[in-house]
């Protein structure tokens, strides 16, 4: 069996039931920030366990040292890797994420290792290709892979650079705008 292409975890993610409240808890307790929020994101080309799916959510990203923190609030009532673990209104640690340098091979390697693909898609301009694998039998969480592209790398660099120079007070929550700017709530 071929091993997946990359296995260095760069992101830890939590499913939350109130994104703004969760961001504020992370800022207050851990001093993590600033959080960049993308609201009401609809991911295209989504499959859930091999059938057409839907995924609408809001996402907050911040950097904590070498690890990106992702907070996810799912808005759609559809099945997903998030709902496989947490019902609406529940929250908790959900997944670790790694880059995929060979997405098609990784889509075979993880299921062959016993971790079935649950929610996957993107690659249509709404998001880079991504996939969640159910690794709960061995790790109690999901694993996500993301196929990097210039846009996602630039977005993640923006988050990391902001954290590196953040004073802990200025604009702790930043709402992403389509033109690349942000507003503060």
Protein backbone atom coordinates (compact mmCIF):
# COMPACT_ATOMS: atom_id res chain seq x y z
CA UNK A 1 0.00 0.00 0.00
CA UNK A 2 1.31 3.45 -0.91
CA UNK A 3 1.48 5.87 1.97
CA UNK A 4 -0.34 9.19 1.66
CA UNK A 5 1.72 11.95 0.09
CA UNK A 6 2.20 14.21 3.09
CA UNK A 7 1.54 13.69 6.77
CA UNK A 8 2.76 16.86 8.50
CA UNK A 9 -0.22 18.30 10.37
CA UNK A 10 -0.55 22.04 9.85
CA UNK A 11 -4.11 22.62 11.10
CA UNK A 12 -6.31 21.55 14.02
CA UNK A 13 -10.05 22.14 13.69
CA UNK A 14 -13.08 22.32 15.93
CA UNK A 15 -16.77 22.21 15.08
CA UNK A 16 -18.59 24.95 16.99
CA UNK A 17 -22.23 25.94 17.35
CA UNK A 18 -21.60 29.71 17.65
CA UNK A 19 -18.60 30.90 15.63
CA UNK A 20 -18.30 34.41 17.11
CA UNK A 21 -18.56 33.14 20.68
CA UNK A 22 -15.96 30.44 19.97
CA UNK A 23 -13.55 33.00 18.46
CA UNK A 24 -13.96 35.21 21.50
CA UNK A 25 -13.24 32.29 23.85
CA UNK A 26 -10.03 31.45 21.96
CA UNK A 27 -8.93 35.09 21.97
CA UNK A 28 -9.65 35.57 25.68
CA UNK A 29 -8.36 32.25 27.03
CA UNK A 30 -5.47 31.38 24.70
CA UNK A 31 -4.58 34.81 23.28
CA UNK A 32 -4.89 33.32 19.80
CA UNK A 33 -5.76 35.70 17.01
CA UNK A 34 -6.62 37.54 15.01
CA UNK A 35 -9.36 35.34 13.58
CA UNK A 36 -10.27 35.77 9.91
CA UNK A 37 -13.88 34.74 9.33
CA UNK A 38 -15.42 33.74 6.02
CA UNK A 39 -19.19 33.80 6.42
CA UNK A 40 -21.78 31.66 4.66
CA UNK A 41 -19.33 29.82 2.47
CA UNK A 42 -20.93 27.34 0.08
CA UNK A 43 -18.54 24.67 -1.12
CA UNK A 44 -19.23 23.31 -4.59
CA UNK A 45 -18.83 19.87 -6.08
CA UNK A 46 -19.37 18.20 -2.67
CA UNK A 47 -19.85 14.48 -2.26
CA UNK A 48 -20.94 12.81 0.96
CA UNK A 49 -20.07 9.12 1.09
CA UNK A 50 -20.22 8.88 -2.71
CA UNK A 51 -23.50 10.76 -3.25
CA UNK A 52 -24.04 14.44 -4.12
CA UNK A 53 -23.91 16.59 -1.00
CA UNK A 54 -24.24 20.13 0.23
CA UNK A 55 -21.94 22.07 2.52
CA UNK A 56 -22.67 25.60 3.71
CA UNK A 57 -20.71 26.93 6.65
CA UNK A 58 -18.81 29.80 8.21
CA UNK A 59 -15.14 29.32 9.03
CA UNK A 60 -12.70 31.19 11.26
CA UNK A 61 -8.92 30.83 10.93
CA UNK A 62 -6.14 31.98 13.24
CA UNK A 63 -2.55 30.92 13.79
CA UNK A 64 -1.14 29.52 17.06
CA UNK A 65 2.59 29.08 16.55
CA UNK A 66 3.14 26.54 13.77
CA UNK A 67 -0.46 25.29 13.86
CA UNK A 68 -3.45 26.91 12.21
CA UNK A 69 -6.64 26.89 14.27
CA UNK A 70 -9.88 26.41 12.32
CA UNK A 71 -13.33 26.88 13.83
CA UNK A 72 -16.27 25.65 11.73
CA UNK A 73 -19.97 26.37 12.10
CA UNK A 74 -22.05 24.31 9.67
CA UNK A 75 -25.24 26.08 8.56
CA UNK A 76 -26.71 23.50 6.18
CA UNK A 77 -28.76 20.64 7.62
CA UNK A 78 -27.09 18.17 5.28
CA UNK A 79 -24.99 15.17 6.24
CA UNK A 80 -21.27 15.86 6.40
CA UNK A 81 -18.08 14.78 8.11
CA UNK A 82 -18.90 17.42 10.74
CA UNK A 83 -22.39 16.04 11.42
CA UNK A 84 -21.00 12.49 11.48
CA UNK A 85 -19.27 13.50 14.70
CA UNK A 86 -21.36 16.33 16.14
CA UNK A 87 -25.10 16.92 15.86
CA UNK A 88 -26.33 20.48 15.34
CA UNK A 89 -25.78 22.39 18.57
CA UNK A 90 -22.85 20.20 19.67
CA UNK A 91 -19.19 21.13 19.45
CA UNK A 92 -15.73 19.69 19.89
CA UNK A 93 -12.40 18.80 18.32
CA UNK A 94 -13.00 17.41 14.84
CA UNK A 95 -9.93 16.97 12.63
CA UNK A 96 -6.30 17.51 11.78
CA UNK A 97 -5.37 18.65 8.29
CA UNK A 98 -2.42 17.89 6.01
CA UNK A 99 -1.51 19.10 2.53
CA UNK A 100 -1.90 16.66 -0.32
CA UNK A 101 0.72 16.75 -3.06
CA UNK A 102 -1.03 13.87 -4.90
CA UNK A 103 -4.76 14.14 -4.21
CA UNK A 104 -5.85 11.28 -6.46
CA UNK A 105 -3.36 8.86 -4.87
CA UNK A 106 -4.30 10.02 -1.37
CA UNK A 107 -7.98 9.41 -2.17
CA UNK A 108 -7.00 5.75 -2.62
CA UNK A 109 -4.34 5.44 0.11
CA UNK A 110 -6.41 6.55 3.11
CA UNK A 111 -9.40 4.25 2.37
CA UNK A 112 -6.95 1.39 1.72
CA UNK A 113 -5.51 2.07 5.18
CA UNK A 114 -9.01 1.72 6.65
CA UNK A 115 -10.08 5.37 6.72
CA UNK A 116 -13.06 5.89 4.38
CA UNK A 117 -13.61 9.19 2.59
CA UNK A 118 -16.75 10.87 3.92
CA UNK A 119 -17.06 14.44 2.64
CA UNK A 120 -14.98 15.63 -0.28
CA UNK A 121 -15.11 18.07 -3.15
CA UNK A 122 -14.00 21.54 -4.16
CA UNK A 123 -11.71 22.07 -7.11
CA UNK A 124 -14.41 24.07 -8.89
CA UNK A 125 -13.31 27.58 -7.89
CA UNK A 126 -15.25 27.56 -4.59
CA UNK A 127 -12.42 25.82 -2.74
CA UNK A 128 -9.34 23.72 -3.47
CA UNK A 129 -9.94 19.98 -3.61
CA UNK A 130 -10.31 18.59 -0.10
CA UNK A 131 -11.39 15.36 1.55
CA UNK A 132 -12.26 14.18 5.05
CA UNK A 133 -11.41 10.64 6.09
CA UNK A 134 -13.05 8.94 9.05
CA UNK A 135 -10.11 7.97 11.27
CA UNK A 136 -12.15 7.66 14.46
CA UNK A 137 -11.49 3.93 14.81
CA UNK A 138 -7.82 4.64 15.58
CA UNK A 139 -7.62 8.34 16.41
CA UNK A 140 -11.12 9.45 17.54
CA UNK A 141 -11.09 12.22 14.91
CA UNK A 142 -11.26 12.83 11.19
CA UNK A 143 -8.32 13.64 8.94
CA UNK A 144 -8.60 16.27 6.21
CA UNK A 145 -6.40 16.60 3.16
CA UNK A 146 -6.23 19.77 1.07
CA UNK A 147 -4.69 20.11 -2.38
CA UNK A 148 -2.75 23.37 -2.16
CA UNK A 149 -3.05 26.11 -4.75
CA UNK A 150 -1.73 29.67 -4.86
CA UNK A 151 -4.94 31.19 -3.48
CA UNK A 152 -5.17 28.92 -0.41
CA UNK A 153 -1.47 29.28 0.35
CA UNK A 154 -1.76 33.10 0.14
CA UNK A 155 -4.83 33.06 2.38
CA UNK A 156 -3.14 30.89 5.00
CA UNK A 157 0.03 33.03 4.83
CA UNK A 158 -2.08 36.12 5.48
CA UNK A 159 -3.45 34.49 8.65
CA UNK A 160 0.01 33.43 9.85
CA UNK A 161 1.59 36.81 9.09
CA UNK A 162 -1.18 38.64 10.94
CA UNK A 163 -0.70 36.45 14.02
CA UNK A 164 3.07 37.03 13.99
CA UNK A 165 2.63 40.80 14.29
CA UNK A 166 -0.67 40.99 16.20
CA UNK A 167 -0.63 43.08 19.38
CA UNK A 168 -3.36 40.99 21.02
CA UNK A 169 -5.90 43.80 20.87
CA UNK A 170 -6.32 45.36 17.44
CA UNK A 171 -9.14 43.91 15.32
CA UNK A 172 -9.20 40.48 17.01
CA UNK A 173 -12.03 39.33 14.69
CA UNK A 174 -11.82 40.19 10.99
CA UNK A 175 -14.60 39.41 8.53
CA UNK A 176 -13.20 38.56 5.08
CA UNK A 177 -14.63 40.54 2.17
CA UNK A 178 -14.73 39.41 -1.47
CA UNK A 179 -12.18 42.05 -2.50
CA UNK A 180 -9.55 40.68 -0.09
CA UNK A 181 -10.07 43.34 2.58
CA UNK A 182 -11.73 42.73 5.93
CA UNK A 183 -14.19 44.48 8.19
CA UNK A 184 -14.50 44.27 11.96
CA UNK A 185 -17.80 43.39 13.66
